[in-house]
C-alpha atoms as a PDB file:
ATOM      1  CA  ALA A   1     102.412  83.080 116.760  1.00  0.00           C
ATOM      2  CA  LEU A   2     100.301  84.829 118.527  1.00  0.00           C
ATOM      3  CA  LEU A   3      96.992  83.580 116.889  1.00  0.00           C
ATOM      4  CA  ILE A   4      97.329  80.274 117.918  1.00  0.00           C
ATOM      5  CA  VAL A   5      98.820  80.737 121.240  1.00  0.00           C
ATOM      6  CA  GLY A   6      96.082  83.612 122.472  1.00  0.00           C
ATOM      7  CA  GLY A   7      96.342  85.341 125.432  1.00  0.00           C
ATOM      8  CA  GLY A   8      98.247  82.538 127.335  1.00  0.00           C
ATOM      9  CA  ILE A   9     102.253  83.817 126.099  1.00  0.00           C
ATOM     10  CA  GLY A  10     104.464  85.656 128.544  1.00  0.00           C
ATOM     11  CA  ILE A  11     106.679  88.537 128.012  1.00  0.00           C
ATOM     12  CA  TRP A  12     109.604  86.818 126.330  1.00  0.00           C
ATOM     13  CA  PHE A  13     107.738  84.956 123.852  1.00  0.00           C
ATOM     14  CA  ALA A  14     106.034  87.697 122.831  1.00  0.00           C
ATOM     15  CA  MET A  15     109.983  89.489 122.364  1.00  0.00           C
ATOM     16  CA  GLY A  16     110.612  87.161 120.357  1.00  0.00           C
ATOM     17  CA  ILE A  17     107.985  87.775 117.881  1.00  0.00           C
ATOM     18  CA  ILE A  18     109.046  91.611 118.053  1.00  0.00           C
ATOM     19  CA  LEU A  19     112.429  90.660 117.110  1.00  0.00           C
ATOM     20  CA  ILE A  20     111.969  88.203 114.149  1.00  0.00           C
ATOM     21  CA  GLU A  21     109.447  90.626 112.695  1.00  0.00           C
ATOM     22  CA  ALA A  22     112.365  93.523 113.188  1.00  0.00           C
ATOM     23  CA  ILE A  23     114.277  91.376 111.050  1.00  0.00           C
ATOM     24  CA  LEU A  24     111.904  90.843 108.765  1.00  0.00           C
ATOM     25  CA  ALA A  25     111.506  94.690 108.496  1.00  0.00           C
ATOM     26  CA  THR A  26     115.478  94.954 108.123  1.00  0.00           C
ATOM     27  CA  ILE A  27     114.137  92.752 104.693  1.00  0.00           C
ATOM     28  CA  TYR A  28     111.576  94.860 103.206  1.00  0.00           C
ATOM     29  CA  PHE A  29     111.783  98.435 104.048  1.00  0.00           C
ATOM     30  CA  PRO A  30     115.311  98.481 101.596  1.00  0.00           C
ATOM     31  CA  ALA A  31     113.141  96.506  98.806  1.00  0.00           C
ATOM     32  CA  GLU A  32     110.742  99.533  99.302  1.00  0.00           C
ATOM     33  CA  ASN A  33     113.074 101.726  99.289  1.00  0.00           C
ATOM     34  CA  ALA A  34     114.848 100.209  95.938  1.00  0.00           C
ATOM     35  CA  LEU A  35     111.299  99.920  94.523  1.00  0.00           C
ATOM     36  CA  LEU A  36     109.771 103.547  94.479  1.00  0.00           C
ATOM     37  CA  PRO A  37     112.593 105.159  92.889  1.00  0.00           C
ATOM     38  CA  MET A  38     112.047 102.395  89.527  1.00  0.00           C
ATOM     39  CA  LEU A  39     107.913 103.381  89.524  1.00  0.00           C
ATOM     40  CA  VAL A  40     108.067 107.298  89.772  1.00  0.00           C
ATOM     41  CA  PRO A  41     110.015 109.355  88.227  1.00  0.00           C
ATOM     42  CA  GLU A  42     112.432 111.623  89.620  1.00  0.00           C
ATOM     43  CA  GLN A  43     110.994 114.682  90.046  1.00  0.00           C
ATOM     44  CA  ASP A  44     108.228 113.323  91.704  1.00  0.00           C
ATOM     45  CA  ARG A  45     110.313 111.498  94.386  1.00  0.00           C
ATOM     46  CA  PRO A  46     109.959 113.718  96.894  1.00  0.00           C
ATOM     47  CA  THR A  47     106.391 113.597  97.340  1.00  0.00           C
ATOM     48  CA  ALA A  48     106.157 109.941  97.119  1.00  0.00           C
ATOM     49  CA  ASN A  49     108.762 109.646 100.127  1.00  0.00           C
ATOM     50  CA  ALA A  50     106.426 112.267 102.001  1.00  0.00           C
ATOM     51  CA  LEU A  51     103.433 110.422 101.263  1.00  0.00           C
ATOM     52  CA  ASN A  52     104.615 106.537 102.531  1.00  0.00           C
ATOM     53  CA  ALA A  53     105.625 108.873 105.382  1.00  0.00           C
ATOM     54  CA  LEU A  54     102.154 110.029 105.703  1.00  0.00           C
ATOM     55  CA  ASN A  55     101.290 106.396 105.930  1.00  0.00           C
ATOM     56  CA  ASP A  56     103.349 105.417 108.270  1.00  0.00           C
ATOM     57  CA  ASN A  57     102.061 108.343 110.713  1.00  0.00           C
ATOM     58  CA  ILE A  58      98.511 107.068 109.629  1.00  0.00           C
ATOM     59  CA  ALA A  59      99.144 103.737 110.744  1.00  0.00           C
ATOM     60  CA  ARG A  60     100.859 104.656 113.921  1.00  0.00           C
ATOM     61  CA  ILE A  61      97.774 106.691 115.001  1.00  0.00           C
ATOM     62  CA  VAL A  62      95.400 104.113 113.999  1.00  0.00           C
ATOM     63  CA  GLY A  63      96.344 100.373 114.464  1.00  0.00           C
ATOM     64  CA  PRO A  64      96.941 100.859 118.310  1.00  0.00           C
ATOM     65  CA  PHE A  65      93.384 102.079 118.980  1.00  0.00           C
ATOM     66  CA  LEU A  66      92.274  99.188 116.259  1.00  0.00           C
ATOM     67  CA  GLY A  67      94.323  96.771 118.326  1.00  0.00           C
ATOM     68  CA  VAL A  68      93.398  98.103 121.454  1.00  0.00           C
ATOM     69  CA  ALA A  69      89.299  97.852 120.476  1.00  0.00           C
ATOM     70  CA  LEU A  70      90.170  93.770 119.285  1.00  0.00           C
ATOM     71  CA  TYR A  71      92.402  93.116 122.405  1.00  0.00           C
ATOM     72  CA  ALA A  72      89.259  94.496 124.155  1.00  0.00           C
ATOM     73  CA  TRP A  73      86.322  92.885 121.763  1.00  0.00           C
ATOM     74  CA  ILE A  74      88.463  89.191 121.189  1.00  0.00           C
ATOM     75  CA  ASP A  75      91.368  88.734 123.001  1.00  0.00           C
ATOM     76  CA  ILE A  76      94.862  89.093 121.854  1.00  0.00           C
ATOM     77  CA  ARG A  77      94.191  87.047 118.770  1.00  0.00           C
ATOM     78  CA  GLY A  78      91.323  88.794 117.287  1.00  0.00           C
ATOM     79  CA  ALA A  79      94.576  91.632 117.363  1.00  0.00           C
ATOM     80  CA  ALA A  80      96.667  89.297 115.618  1.00  0.00           C
ATOM     81  CA  LEU A  81      94.106  87.971 113.131  1.00  0.00           C
ATOM     82  CA  ALA A  82      93.488  92.051 112.248  1.00  0.00           C
ATOM     83  CA  ASN A  83      97.311  91.832 111.694  1.00  0.00           C
ATOM     84  CA  LEU A  84      97.947  88.653 109.935  1.00  0.00           C
ATOM     85  CA  VAL A  85      95.159  90.058 107.158  1.00  0.00           C
ATOM     86  CA  SER A  86      96.475  93.503 106.829  1.00  0.00           C
ATOM     87  CA  PHE A  87      99.659  91.796 105.870  1.00  0.00           C
ATOM     88  CA  SER A  88      98.131  89.278 103.435  1.00  0.00           C
ATOM     89  CA  ILE A  89      96.225  92.654 101.842  1.00  0.00           C
ATOM     90  CA  ALA A  90     100.154  93.936 101.416  1.00  0.00           C
ATOM     91  CA  ALA A  91     101.347  90.794 100.188  1.00  0.00           C
ATOM     92  CA  ILE A  92      98.671  90.718  97.716  1.00  0.00           C
ATOM     93  CA  LEU A  93      99.445  94.073  96.657  1.00  0.00           C
ATOM     94  CA  ILE A  94     103.241  94.606  96.622  1.00  0.00           C
ATOM     95  CA  SER A  95     102.174  91.279  93.949  1.00  0.00           C
ATOM     96  CA  LEU A  96     100.705  93.019  91.665  1.00  0.00           C
ATOM     97  CA  VAL A  97     103.422  95.738  91.446  1.00  0.00           C
ATOM     98  CA  VAL A  98     105.450  95.351  87.621  1.00  0.00           C
ATOM     99  CA  ALA A  99     109.074  97.025  87.980  1.00  0.00           C
ATOM    100  CA  PRO A 100     111.057  97.260  84.957  1.00  0.00           C
ATOM    101  CA  PRO A 101     114.393  94.342  85.640  1.00  0.00           C
ATOM    102  CA  THR A 102     117.323  95.213  87.049  1.00  0.00           C
ATOM    103  CA  GLU A 103     121.335  94.200  85.588  1.00  0.00           C
ATOM    104  CA  ARG A 104     122.368  91.746  88.498  1.00  0.00           C
ATOM    105  CA  ASN A 105     126.070  93.367  89.442  1.00  0.00           C
ATOM    106  CA  ALA A 106     128.873  92.450  86.940  1.00  0.00           C
ATOM    107  CA  ARG A 107     131.261  92.240  90.251  1.00  0.00           C
ATOM    108  CA  HIS A 108     129.704  89.774  91.849  1.00  0.00           C
ATOM    109  CA  SER A 109     131.871  86.899  93.546  1.00  0.00           C
ATOM    110  CA  PRO A 110     130.553  83.748  93.684  1.00  0.00           C
ATOM    111  CA  ARG A 111     134.483  82.822  95.861  1.00  0.00           C
ATOM    112  CA  GLN A 112     132.689  85.035  98.670  1.00  0.00           C
ATOM    113  CA  PRO A 113     129.644  84.218 100.814  1.00  0.00           C
ATOM    114  CA  PRO A 114     126.267  86.798  98.937  1.00  0.00           C
ATOM    115  CA  LEU A 115     125.952  88.851 102.242  1.00  0.00           C
ATOM    116  CA  LEU A 116     129.573  89.655 102.733  1.00  0.00           C
ATOM    117  CA  ASN A 117     130.087  90.675  99.177  1.00  0.00           C
ATOM    118  CA  SER A 118     126.984  92.717  99.188  1.00  0.00           C
ATOM    119  CA  MET A 119     128.193  94.911 102.136  1.00  0.00           C
ATOM    120  CA  ARG A 120     131.844  94.794 100.142  1.00  0.00           C
ATOM    121  CA  THR A 121     130.469  96.133  97.117  1.00  0.00           C
ATOM    122  CA  GLY A 122     127.757  98.605  98.880  1.00  0.00           C
ATOM    123  CA  ILE A 123     130.656  99.915 101.276  1.00  0.00           C
ATOM    124  CA  GLY A 124     133.047 100.302  97.970  1.00  0.00           C
ATOM    125  CA  PHE A 125     129.996 102.520  95.982  1.00  0.00           C
ATOM    126  CA  VAL A 126     129.524 104.744  99.300  1.00  0.00           C
ATOM    127  CA  TRP A 127     133.122 105.561  99.606  1.00  0.00           C
ATOM    128  CA  ARG A 128     133.634 106.443  95.831  1.00  0.00           C
ATOM    129  CA  SER A 129     130.503 108.885  95.849  1.00  0.00           C
ATOM    130  CA  PRO A 130     131.046 112.004  98.075  1.00  0.00           C
ATOM    131  CA  MET A 131     127.356 112.599  98.067  1.00  0.00           C
ATOM    132  CA  LEU A 132     126.548 109.435  99.199  1.00  0.00           C
ATOM    133  CA  ARG A 133     129.571 110.013 101.972  1.00  0.00           C
ATOM    134  CA  THR A 134     128.267 112.744 103.064  1.00  0.00           C
ATOM    135  CA  LEU A 135     124.632 111.486 103.682  1.00  0.00           C
ATOM    136  CA  PHE A 136     125.942 108.678 105.476  1.00  0.00           C
ATOM    137  CA  PHE A 137     127.895 110.512 108.049  1.00  0.00           C
ATOM    138  CA  ILE A 138     124.585 112.901 108.427  1.00  0.00           C
ATOM    139  CA  GLN A 139     123.133 109.560 109.197  1.00  0.00           C
ATOM    140  CA  ILE A 140     125.322 108.567 111.661  1.00  0.00           C
ATOM    141  CA  LEU A 141     124.384 112.015 113.415  1.00  0.00           C
ATOM    142  CA  ILE A 142     121.531 111.494 113.690  1.00  0.00           C
ATOM    143  CA  SER A 143     121.120 108.313 114.631  1.00  0.00           C
ATOM    144  CA  THR A 144     123.379 109.316 117.286  1.00  0.00           C
ATOM    145  CA  ALA A 145     121.493 112.331 118.765  1.00  0.00           C
ATOM    146  CA  ASP A 146     117.897 110.235 118.721  1.00  0.00           C
ATOM    147  CA  GLY A 147     118.914 107.652 120.682  1.00  0.00           C
ATOM    148  CA  PRO A 148     119.147 109.679 123.914  1.00  0.00           C
ATOM    149  CA  LEU A 149     116.306 111.595 122.592  1.00  0.00           C
ATOM    150  CA  THR A 150     113.910 108.152 122.826  1.00  0.00           C
ATOM    151  CA  ALA A 151     115.418 106.587 125.811  1.00  0.00           C
ATOM    152  CA  MET A 152     114.657 110.517 127.544  1.00  0.00           C
ATOM    153  CA  LEU A 153     111.476 111.607 126.745  1.00  0.00           C
ATOM    154  CA  THR A 154     109.382 109.018 128.448  1.00  0.00           C
ATOM    155  CA  PRO A 155     111.517 110.013 132.068  1.00  0.00           C
ATOM    156  CA  PHE A 156     111.647 113.561 131.030  1.00  0.00           C
ATOM    157  CA  ILE A 157     107.651 113.204 131.149  1.00  0.00           C
ATOM    158  CA  ARG A 158     107.467 111.338 134.355  1.00  0.00           C
ATOM    159  CA  ARG A 159     110.409 112.106 136.597  1.00  0.00           C
ATOM    160  CA  THR A 160     111.483 115.996 135.793  1.00  0.00           C
ATOM    161  CA  MET A 161     107.721 117.097 134.990  1.00  0.00           C
ATOM    162  CA  GLY A 162     105.775 114.726 137.398  1.00  0.00           C
ATOM    163  CA  GLY A 163     103.106 113.435 134.385  1.00  0.00           C
ATOM    164  CA  SER A 164     101.424 110.585 135.222  1.00  0.00           C
ATOM    165  CA  ALA A 165     101.736 107.950 132.179  1.00  0.00           C
ATOM    166  CA  GLU A 166      98.699 109.059 130.307  1.00  0.00           C
ATOM    167  CA  ASP A 167     100.176 112.141 129.474  1.00  0.00           C
ATOM    168  CA  VAL A 168     102.863 110.126 127.984  1.00  0.00           C
ATOM    169  CA  GLY A 169     100.702 108.181 125.320  1.00  0.00           C
ATOM    170  CA  LEU A 170      99.138 111.967 124.999  1.00  0.00           C
ATOM    171  CA  ILE A 171     102.580 113.327 124.358  1.00  0.00           C
ATOM    172  CA  LEU A 172     102.845 109.551 121.882  1.00  0.00           C
ATOM    173  CA  SER A 173      99.993 110.485 120.434  1.00  0.00           C
ATOM    174  CA  ILE A 174     100.398 114.381 119.157  1.00  0.00           C
ATOM    175  CA  ARG A 175     103.556 113.054 118.019  1.00  0.00           C
ATOM    176  CA  GLY A 176     101.612 110.709 115.356  1.00  0.00           C
ATOM    177  CA  VAL A 177      99.505 113.158 114.740  1.00  0.00           C
ATOM    178  CA  ALA A 178     102.496 115.936 113.979  1.00  0.00           C
ATOM    179  CA  GLY A 179     103.638 114.138 111.538  1.00  0.00           C
ATOM    180  CA  VAL A 180     100.539 113.067 109.691  1.00  0.00           C
ATOM    181  CA  ILE A 181     100.310 117.001 109.620  1.00  0.00           C
ATOM    182  CA  GLY A 182     103.674 117.332 107.979  1.00  0.00           C
ATOM    183  CA  GLY A 183     103.229 114.732 105.973  1.00  0.00           C
ATOM    184  CA  VAL A 184     100.704 116.561 104.732  1.00  0.00           C
ATOM    185  CA  LEU A 185     102.226 119.374 104.078  1.00  0.00           C
ATOM    186  CA  VAL A 186     105.647 117.892 103.127  1.00  0.00           C
ATOM    187  CA  ALA A 187     103.704 116.164 100.383  1.00  0.00           C
ATOM    188  CA  GLN A 188     102.563 119.420  99.096  1.00  0.00           C
ATOM    189  CA  LEU A 189     105.388 121.299  98.921  1.00  0.00           C
ATOM    190  CA  ALA A 190     108.539 118.732  98.620  1.00  0.00           C
ATOM    191  CA  GLY A 191     108.479 119.194  94.351  1.00  0.00           C
ATOM    192  CA  ARG A 192     109.130 122.839  95.217  1.00  0.00           C
ATOM    193  CA  PHE A 193     112.372 122.665  97.338  1.00  0.00           C
ATOM    194  CA  ARG A 194     115.513 120.566  96.686  1.00  0.00           C
ATOM    195  CA  SER A 195     115.801 117.896  99.084  1.00  0.00           C
ATOM    196  CA  ASP A 196     119.675 119.159  99.897  1.00  0.00           C
ATOM    197  CA  ARG A 197     118.424 122.603 100.670  1.00  0.00           C
ATOM    198  CA  THR A 198     115.393 121.072 102.633  1.00  0.00           C
ATOM    199  CA  LEU A 199     117.820 118.699 104.892  1.00  0.00           C
ATOM    200  CA  ILE A 200     119.819 121.849 105.047  1.00  0.00           C
ATOM    201  CA  ALA A 201     117.449 123.827 106.777  1.00  0.00           C
ATOM    202  CA  SER A 202     116.056 120.841 108.774  1.00  0.00           C
ATOM    203  CA  LEU A 203     118.537 119.500 110.895  1.00  0.00           C
ATOM    204  CA  PRO A 204     119.145 122.624 112.682  1.00  0.00           C
ATOM    205  CA  ILE A 205     115.588 123.518 113.617  1.00  0.00           C
ATOM    206  CA  VAL A 206     115.199 120.418 115.095  1.00  0.00           C
ATOM    207  CA  GLY A 207     118.263 120.630 117.040  1.00  0.00           C
ATOM    208  CA  ILE A 208     117.127 123.921 118.685  1.00  0.00           C
ATOM    209  CA  LEU A 209     113.946 122.773 119.029  1.00  0.00           C
ATOM    210  CA  VAL A 210     114.461 119.702 120.906  1.00  0.00           C
ATOM    211  CA  VAL A 211     116.982 121.739 123.014  1.00  0.00           C
ATOM    212  CA  GLY A 212     114.135 123.974 123.511  1.00  0.00           C
ATOM    213  CA  LEU A 213     112.274 120.989 124.887  1.00  0.00           C
ATOM    214  CA  ALA A 214     115.148 120.320 127.702  1.00  0.00           C
ATOM    215  CA  GLY A 215     114.030 124.113 129.148  1.00  0.00           C
ATOM    216  CA  LEU A 216     109.916 123.136 129.021  1.00  0.00           C
ATOM    217  CA  THR A 217     108.119 122.708 132.686  1.00  0.00           C
ATOM    218  CA  GLU A 218     104.594 121.478 130.873  1.00  0.00           C
ATOM    219  CA  VAL A 219     103.329 118.974 129.581  1.00  0.00           C
ATOM    220  CA  TRP A 220     101.227 121.317 127.696  1.00  0.00           C
ATOM    221  CA  GLN A 221     104.335 122.721 126.322  1.00  0.00           C
ATOM    222  CA  VAL A 222     105.518 119.791 124.897  1.00  0.00           C
ATOM    223  CA  ALA A 223     102.607 118.606 123.282  1.00  0.00           C
ATOM    224  CA  LEU A 224     102.820 122.306 121.468  1.00  0.00           C
ATOM    225  CA  LEU A 225     106.961 121.490 120.922  1.00  0.00           C
ATOM    226  CA  MET A 226     105.849 118.056 119.240  1.00  0.00           C
ATOM    227  CA  LEU A 227     103.147 119.924 116.864  1.00  0.00           C
ATOM    228  CA  LEU A 228     105.532 122.544 116.022  1.00  0.00           C
ATOM    229  CA  ILE A 229     108.286 119.595 115.372  1.00  0.00           C
ATOM    230  CA  GLY A 230     106.580 117.010 113.674  1.00  0.00           C
ATOM    231  CA  PRO A 231     106.870 118.376 109.932  1.00  0.00           C
ATOM    232  CA  VAL A 232     109.979 119.258 110.013  1.00  0.00           C
ATOM    233  CA  VAL A 233     111.188 115.758 111.557  1.00  0.00           C
ATOM    234  CA  VAL A 234     108.764 114.508 108.428  1.00  0.00           C
ATOM    235  CA  ALA A 235     110.561 116.956 105.716  1.00  0.00           C
ATOM    236  CA  MET A 236     113.919 115.759 107.540  1.00  0.00           C
ATOM    237  CA  ASN A 237     112.998 111.726 106.856  1.00  0.00           C
ATOM    238  CA  THR A 238     111.444 112.726 103.484  1.00  0.00           C
ATOM    239  CA  VAL A 239     114.349 114.605 102.148  1.00  0.00           C
ATOM    240  CA  LEU A 240     116.819 111.351 103.331  1.00  0.00           C
ATOM    241  CA  PRO A 241     115.973 108.364 101.540  1.00  0.00           C
ATOM    242  CA  THR A 242     115.100 110.834  98.548  1.00  0.00           C
ATOM    243  CA  LEU A 243     118.647 112.069  98.339  1.00  0.00           C
ATOM    244  CA  LEU A 244     120.041 108.010  98.927  1.00  0.00           C
ATOM    245  CA  GLN A 245     118.011 106.866  96.213  1.00  0.00           C
ATOM    246  CA  THR A 246     119.305 109.944  93.759  1.00  0.00           C
ATOM    247  CA  GLY A 247     122.658 109.254  94.427  1.00  0.00           C
ATOM    248  CA  SER A 248     122.835 105.629  93.441  1.00  0.00           C
ATOM    249  CA  ASP A 249     121.619 102.938  90.728  1.00  0.00           C
ATOM    250  CA  ASP A 250     118.621 100.940  90.317  1.00  0.00           C
ATOM    251  CA  ALA A 251     120.784  97.694  89.999  1.00  0.00           C
ATOM    252  CA  TRP A 252     122.091  98.257  93.895  1.00  0.00           C
ATOM    253  CA  ARG A 253     120.208 100.272  95.330  1.00  0.00           C
ATOM    254  CA  GLY A 254     119.066  98.150  97.695  1.00  0.00           C
ATOM    255  CA  ARG A 255     122.254  96.485  98.933  1.00  0.00           C
ATOM    256  CA  LEU A 256     123.142 100.526  99.826  1.00  0.00           C
ATOM    257  CA  PHE A 257     120.017 100.486 101.582  1.00  0.00           C
ATOM    258  CA  SER A 258     120.499  97.349 103.304  1.00  0.00           C
ATOM    259  CA  LEU A 259     123.948  98.801 104.822  1.00  0.00           C
ATOM    260  CA  ASN A 260     121.880 102.209 105.636  1.00  0.00           C
ATOM    261  CA  PHE A 261     119.873 100.676 107.396  1.00  0.00           C
ATOM    262  CA  ALA A 262     122.117  98.537 109.286  1.00  0.00           C
ATOM    263  CA  LEU A 263     125.022 101.615 110.128  1.00  0.00           C
ATOM    264  CA  ILE A 264     121.994 103.702 111.436  1.00  0.00           C
ATOM    265  CA  GLY A 265     120.841 100.889 113.521  1.00  0.00           C
ATOM    266  CA  GLY A 266     123.642  99.617 115.161  1.00  0.00           C
ATOM    267  CA  THR A 267     124.002 103.342 115.979  1.00  0.00           C
ATOM    268  CA  PHE A 268     120.933 104.077 117.517  1.00  0.00           C
ATOM    269  CA  ALA A 269     120.763 101.314 119.831  1.00  0.00           C
ATOM    270  CA  ALA A 270     124.327 102.226 120.856  1.00  0.00           C
ATOM    271  CA  SER A 271     122.986 105.733 121.467  1.00  0.00           C
ATOM    272  CA  THR A 272     119.911 104.319 123.333  1.00  0.00           C
ATOM    273  CA  LEU A 273     121.886 102.267 125.658  1.00  0.00           C
ATOM    274  CA  VAL A 274     123.976 104.812 126.063  1.00  0.00           C
ATOM    275  CA  GLY A 275     121.620 107.946 126.681  1.00  0.00           C
ATOM    276  CA  SER A 276     119.858 105.419 129.299  1.00  0.00           C
ATOM    277  CA  ALA A 277     123.130 104.961 130.784  1.00  0.00           C
ATOM    278  CA  LEU A 278     124.338 108.628 131.452  1.00  0.00           C
ATOM    279  CA  GLY A 279     120.737 109.982 131.811  1.00  0.00           C
ATOM    280  CA  GLY A 280     121.006 108.186 134.853  1.00  0.00           C
ATOM    281  CA  VAL A 281     124.330 109.539 136.256  1.00  0.00           C
ATOM    282  CA  THR A 282     123.159 113.004 134.401  1.00  0.00           C
ATOM    283  CA  SER A 283     119.520 114.102 134.365  1.00  0.00           C
ATOM    284  CA  PRO A 284     116.419 113.546 131.195  1.00  0.00           C
ATOM    285  CA  GLN A 285     117.476 117.310 130.367  1.00  0.00           C
ATOM    286  CA  THR A 286     121.335 117.012 130.162  1.00  0.00           C
ATOM    287  CA  MET A 287     120.767 114.275 127.367  1.00  0.00           C
ATOM    288  CA  LEU A 288     118.340 116.099 125.363  1.00  0.00           C
ATOM    289  CA  THR A 289     119.572 118.969 125.456  1.00  0.00           C
ATOM    290  CA  THR A 290     123.154 116.806 123.970  1.00  0.00           C
ATOM    291  CA  SER A 291     120.590 114.858 121.529  1.00  0.00           C
ATOM    292  CA  GLY A 292     119.858 118.827 120.253  1.00  0.00           C
ATOM    293  CA  ILE A 293     123.277 119.761 119.576  1.00  0.00           C
ATOM    294  CA  ILE A 294     124.368 116.610 118.069  1.00  0.00           C
ATOM    295  CA  TYR A 295     121.322 117.743 115.413  1.00  0.00           C
ATOM    296  CA  VAL A 296     122.569 120.738 115.233  1.00  0.00           C
ATOM    297  CA  ILE A 297     126.143 119.343 114.486  1.00  0.00           C
ATOM    298  CA  ALA A 298     124.695 117.147 112.210  1.00  0.00           C
ATOM    299  CA  GLY A 299     123.141 120.546 109.999  1.00  0.00           C
ATOM    300  CA  GLY A 300     126.691 122.254 110.569  1.00  0.00           C
ATOM    301  CA  VAL A 301     127.907 119.175 108.373  1.00  0.00           C
ATOM    302  CA  ALA A 302     125.482 119.656 105.860  1.00  0.00           C
ATOM    303  CA  PHE A 303     125.985 122.854 105.320  1.00  0.00           C
ATOM    304  CA  LEU A 304     129.466 122.635 104.989  1.00  0.00           C
ATOM    305  CA  ARG A 305     129.888 119.466 102.512  1.00  0.00           C
ATOM    306  CA  ARG A 306     126.809 121.281 100.674  1.00  0.00           C
ATOM    307  CA  SER A 307     128.582 121.004  97.546  1.00  0.00           C
ATOM    308  CA  ASP A 308     128.471 116.684  97.778  1.00  0.00           C
ATOM    309  CA  LEU A 309     125.023 116.884  98.072  1.00  0.00           C
ATOM    310  CA  SER A 310     123.773 119.298  95.659  1.00  0.00           C
ATOM    311  CA  PRO A 311     122.637 117.386  92.690  1.00  0.00           C
ATOM    312  CA  VAL A 312     125.570 118.046  90.307  1.00  0.00           C
ATOM    313  CA  ALA A 313     126.987 115.704  92.816  1.00  0.00           C
ATOM    314  CA  VAL A 314     125.851 112.779  90.897  1.00  0.00           C
ATOM    315  CA  THR A 315     127.827 112.301  87.842  1.00  0.00           C
ATOM    316  CA  GLU A 316     129.591 109.596  86.042  1.00  0.00           C
ATOM    317  CA  GLY A 317     132.565 110.157  86.973  1.00  0.00           C
ATOM    318  CA  ASP A 318     131.628 109.029  90.191  1.00  0.00           C
ATOM    319  CA  GLU A 319     129.824 106.029  89.420  1.00  0.00           C
ATOM    320  CA  VAL A 320     127.131 106.376  90.898  1.00  0.00           C
ATOM    321  CA  ARG A 321     124.568 107.268  87.595  1.00  0.00           C
END
């Protein structure tokens, strides 16, 4: 659409395209997370997920620079054409992947709409597995913490610190660089540590660093903290899908991740709105501190429920394998 319309688009047209792209992503990402375990041995899944996170962070750094260059050289059509080509190449590469077939779930009922039946089945699997119940609850807490953090980071830099728009861009760029560094480190070390223990350790560390962020007064301090927090966040975001993949079966893993993305997406949207509103009433520092505390609480839940997150929790009695 951008390639056809060009630079004459309005903001609402652009937002509509972004919305459609986000809807399509809800189809793609669960399928990606369901496919990976079918292609990679279980012991290599943490490394594979870390490399996935590394790819994403590299794209977040390189992509905007390429987009700006193409926009300045050609206009929005140049960026749209590059985007179209990149997605086409990705689709061709995915079509070359050969995965083993999966069995259709025997519980499928033709009397119910497929979507509702899939959601019902996914909720049933989660409810019967202590590991999945715990992971879903932890991810709800993480999404609740991420909302105020995302909403208040820019006001914190601009309003509280008196920083410029360039400072915000610098912080976001450093955040991406930290993600790349973290991806490299986690990819190298992922196989040496159990995923459940990594999650238990990373959550309170992220929380403490976010609470520390609220007390900073200079932009360079925020930049330095972003370099510290980036690898820990990557480790956390690597082990979460690894644990979900470990706790689910090939036949219904896609439904599990679809349910997971729907749940955390809705929680994040609600917490972002609430965080923005409360931030206007209180202050960015208060909301950042609240976000950090929720991360620490999530770490406490992970520690208290560590027996559910252990690999031995994945048993045939839980109908997980």
